[in-house]
Amino acid sequence: MVADRIKRLREQSGMTQAALAKHLGITRASVNAWEMGISVPSTQYVTALAGVFAVSTDYLLGVDATSSVSVAGLTDDDIALVHALVDHLREKNKRIPRP
């Protein structure tokens, strides 16, 4: 699960393994090993990854299905709109039949 989340978050952010490794000060092979499930990041790197991808450490570790979005720089109206969108998507997903 950790491996899948790291890979998905890295790809969604448009980063290469090499770019993520450079940002963290580690080798690309280390990032690859995490994504392949060969090894897991230490606590230090779980925290760093959470910061890079703006998610909680719980989310990265699969403890919780939530993630966070920074609303820094948004107005109160913008924040209300984000909440309304999230609520709308939750309602939409309730109506979609699951296989």
C-alpha atoms as a PDB file:
ATOM      1  CA  MET A   1       0.000   0.000   0.000  1.00  0.00           C
ATOM      2  CA  VAL A   2       2.775   2.481   0.901  1.00  0.00           C
ATOM      3  CA  ALA A   3       4.542   1.598  -2.332  1.00  0.00           C
ATOM      4  CA  ASP A   4       1.438   2.233  -4.425  1.00  0.00           C
ATOM      5  CA  ARG A   5       0.702   5.548  -2.737  1.00  0.00           C
ATOM      6  CA  ILE A   6       4.236   6.861  -3.139  1.00  0.00           C
ATOM      7  CA  LYS A   7       4.246   5.965  -6.828  1.00  0.00           C
ATOM      8  CA  ARG A   8       0.771   7.383  -7.465  1.00  0.00           C
ATOM      9  CA  LEU A   9       1.505  10.641  -5.634  1.00  0.00           C
ATOM     10  CA  ARG A  10       4.851  11.024  -7.401  1.00  0.00           C
ATOM     11  CA  GLU A  11       3.280  10.463 -10.813  1.00  0.00           C
ATOM     12  CA  GLN A  12       0.363  12.799 -10.046  1.00  0.00           C
ATOM     13  CA  SER A  13       2.837  15.514  -9.147  1.00  0.00           C
ATOM     14  CA  GLY A  14       4.704  14.984 -12.419  1.00  0.00           C
ATOM     15  CA  MET A  15       7.955  14.083 -10.682  1.00  0.00           C
ATOM     16  CA  THR A  16      10.405  11.468 -11.847  1.00  0.00           C
ATOM     17  CA  GLN A  17      11.972   9.064  -9.403  1.00  0.00           C
ATOM     18  CA  ALA A  18      15.245  10.934  -9.904  1.00  0.00           C
ATOM     19  CA  ALA A  19      13.644  14.302  -9.125  1.00  0.00           C
ATOM     20  CA  LEU A  20      12.010  12.972  -5.958  1.00  0.00           C
ATOM     21  CA  ALA A  21      15.269  11.355  -4.880  1.00  0.00           C
ATOM     22  CA  LYS A  22      17.174  14.596  -5.419  1.00  0.00           C
ATOM     23  CA  HIS A  23      14.567  16.541  -3.444  1.00  0.00           C
ATOM     24  CA  LEU A  24      14.920  14.084  -0.546  1.00  0.00           C
ATOM     25  CA  GLY A  25      18.706  13.797  -0.808  1.00  0.00           C
ATOM     26  CA  ILE A  26      18.687  10.059  -1.532  1.00  0.00           C
ATOM     27  CA  THR A  27      19.339   7.828  -4.529  1.00  0.00           C
ATOM     28  CA  ARG A  28      16.845   7.087  -7.280  1.00  0.00           C
ATOM     29  CA  ALA A  29      17.341   3.406  -6.444  1.00  0.00           C
ATOM     30  CA  SER A  30      15.928   4.060  -2.954  1.00  0.00           C
ATOM     31  CA  VAL A  31      12.787   5.642  -4.397  1.00  0.00           C
ATOM     32  CA  ASN A  32      12.472   2.750  -6.841  1.00  0.00           C
ATOM     33  CA  ALA A  33      12.805   0.228  -3.993  1.00  0.00           C
ATOM     34  CA  TRP A  34      10.024   1.986  -2.073  1.00  0.00           C
ATOM     35  CA  GLU A  35       7.752   1.959  -5.123  1.00  0.00           C
ATOM     36  CA  MET A  36       8.479  -1.704  -5.835  1.00  0.00           C
ATOM     37  CA  GLY A  37       7.767  -2.643  -2.229  1.00  0.00           C
ATOM     38  CA  ILE A  38      11.308  -3.955  -1.753  1.00  0.00           C
ATOM     39  CA  SER A  39      11.866  -1.592   1.157  1.00  0.00           C
ATOM     40  CA  VAL A  40       9.891   1.021   3.057  1.00  0.00           C
ATOM     41  CA  PRO A  41      10.904   4.578   3.854  1.00  0.00           C
ATOM     42  CA  SER A  42      12.100   5.346   7.366  1.00  0.00           C
ATOM     43  CA  THR A  43      10.026   7.580   9.606  1.00  0.00           C
ATOM     44  CA  GLN A  44      12.163  10.531   8.528  1.00  0.00           C
ATOM     45  CA  TYR A  45      11.315   9.949   4.877  1.00  0.00           C
ATOM     46  CA  VAL A  46       7.639   9.188   5.488  1.00  0.00           C
ATOM     47  CA  THR A  47       7.428  12.622   7.098  1.00  0.00           C
ATOM     48  CA  ALA A  48       9.376  14.223   4.245  1.00  0.00           C
ATOM     49  CA  LEU A  49       7.195  12.513   1.610  1.00  0.00           C
ATOM     50  CA  ALA A  50       4.045  13.697   3.367  1.00  0.00           C
ATOM     51  CA  GLY A  51       5.379  17.240   3.164  1.00  0.00           C
ATOM     52  CA  VAL A  52       6.382  16.957  -0.487  1.00  0.00           C
ATOM     53  CA  PHE A  53       2.980  15.619  -1.531  1.00  0.00           C
ATOM     54  CA  ALA A  54       0.879  17.607   0.979  1.00  0.00           C
ATOM     55  CA  VAL A  55      -0.754  14.520   2.464  1.00  0.00           C
ATOM     56  CA  SER A  56      -0.816  13.168   5.984  1.00  0.00           C
ATOM     57  CA  THR A  57       1.601  10.494   7.132  1.00  0.00           C
ATOM     58  CA  ASP A  58      -1.466   8.407   7.989  1.00  0.00           C
ATOM     59  CA  TYR A  59      -2.584   8.618   4.371  1.00  0.00           C
ATOM     60  CA  LEU A  60       0.854   7.578   3.100  1.00  0.00           C
ATOM     61  CA  LEU A  61       0.912   4.615   5.456  1.00  0.00           C
ATOM     62  CA  GLY A  62      -2.625   3.552   4.576  1.00  0.00           C
ATOM     63  CA  VAL A  63      -3.946   4.174   8.089  1.00  0.00           C
ATOM     64  CA  ASP A  64      -6.541   6.613   6.892  1.00  0.00           C
ATOM     65  CA  ALA A  65      -8.232   7.231   3.557  1.00  0.00           C
ATOM     66  CA  THR A  66      -8.107  10.996   3.974  1.00  0.00           C
ATOM     67  CA  SER A  67      -5.689  13.454   2.511  1.00  0.00           C
ATOM     68  CA  SER A  68      -5.332  17.139   3.102  1.00  0.00           C
ATOM     69  CA  VAL A  69      -5.425  20.129   0.837  1.00  0.00           C
ATOM     70  CA  SER A  70      -3.751  23.358   1.809  1.00  0.00           C
ATOM     71  CA  VAL A  71      -6.162  26.273   1.669  1.00  0.00           C
ATOM     72  CA  ALA A  72      -3.426  28.808   2.331  1.00  0.00           C
ATOM     73  CA  GLY A  73      -3.947  31.873   0.185  1.00  0.00           C
ATOM     74  CA  LEU A  74      -7.622  31.163  -0.451  1.00  0.00           C
ATOM     75  CA  THR A  75     -10.433  33.445   0.577  1.00  0.00           C
ATOM     76  CA  ASP A  76     -13.247  32.286   2.854  1.00  0.00           C
ATOM     77  CA  ASP A  77     -15.495  32.068  -0.210  1.00  0.00           C
ATOM     78  CA  ASP A  78     -12.900  29.933  -2.016  1.00  0.00           C
ATOM     79  CA  ILE A  79     -12.669  27.587   0.979  1.00  0.00           C
ATOM     80  CA  ALA A  80     -16.451  27.278   1.127  1.00  0.00           C
ATOM     81  CA  LEU A  81     -16.444  26.384  -2.567  1.00  0.00           C
ATOM     82  CA  VAL A  82     -13.829  23.662  -2.007  1.00  0.00           C
ATOM     83  CA  HIS A  83     -15.948  22.187   0.795  1.00  0.00           C
ATOM     84  CA  ALA A  84     -19.048  22.310  -1.408  1.00  0.00           C
ATOM     85  CA  LEU A  85     -17.201  20.499  -4.199  1.00  0.00           C
ATOM     86  CA  VAL A  86     -16.036  17.764  -1.825  1.00  0.00           C
ATOM     87  CA  ASP A  87     -19.579  17.323  -0.503  1.00  0.00           C
ATOM     88  CA  HIS A  88     -20.926  17.154  -4.066  1.00  0.00           C
ATOM     89  CA  LEU A  89     -18.394  14.478  -5.038  1.00  0.00           C
ATOM     90  CA  ARG A  90     -19.204  12.393  -1.964  1.00  0.00           C
ATOM     91  CA  GLU A  91     -22.909  12.486  -2.812  1.00  0.00           C
ATOM     92  CA  LYS A  92     -22.201  11.614  -6.449  1.00  0.00           C
ATOM     93  CA  ASN A  93     -20.076   8.644  -5.397  1.00  0.00           C
ATOM     94  CA  LYS A  94     -22.814   7.349  -3.108  1.00  0.00           C
ATOM     95  CA  ARG A  95     -25.106   7.074  -6.141  1.00  0.00           C
ATOM     96  CA  ILE A  96     -22.598   5.171  -8.272  1.00  0.00           C
ATOM     97  CA  PRO A  97     -23.074   1.411  -7.874  1.00  0.00           C
ATOM     98  CA  ARG A  98     -19.960  -0.429  -6.726  1.00  0.00           C
ATOM     99  CA  PRO A  99     -19.033  -3.734  -8.435  1.00  0.00           C
END
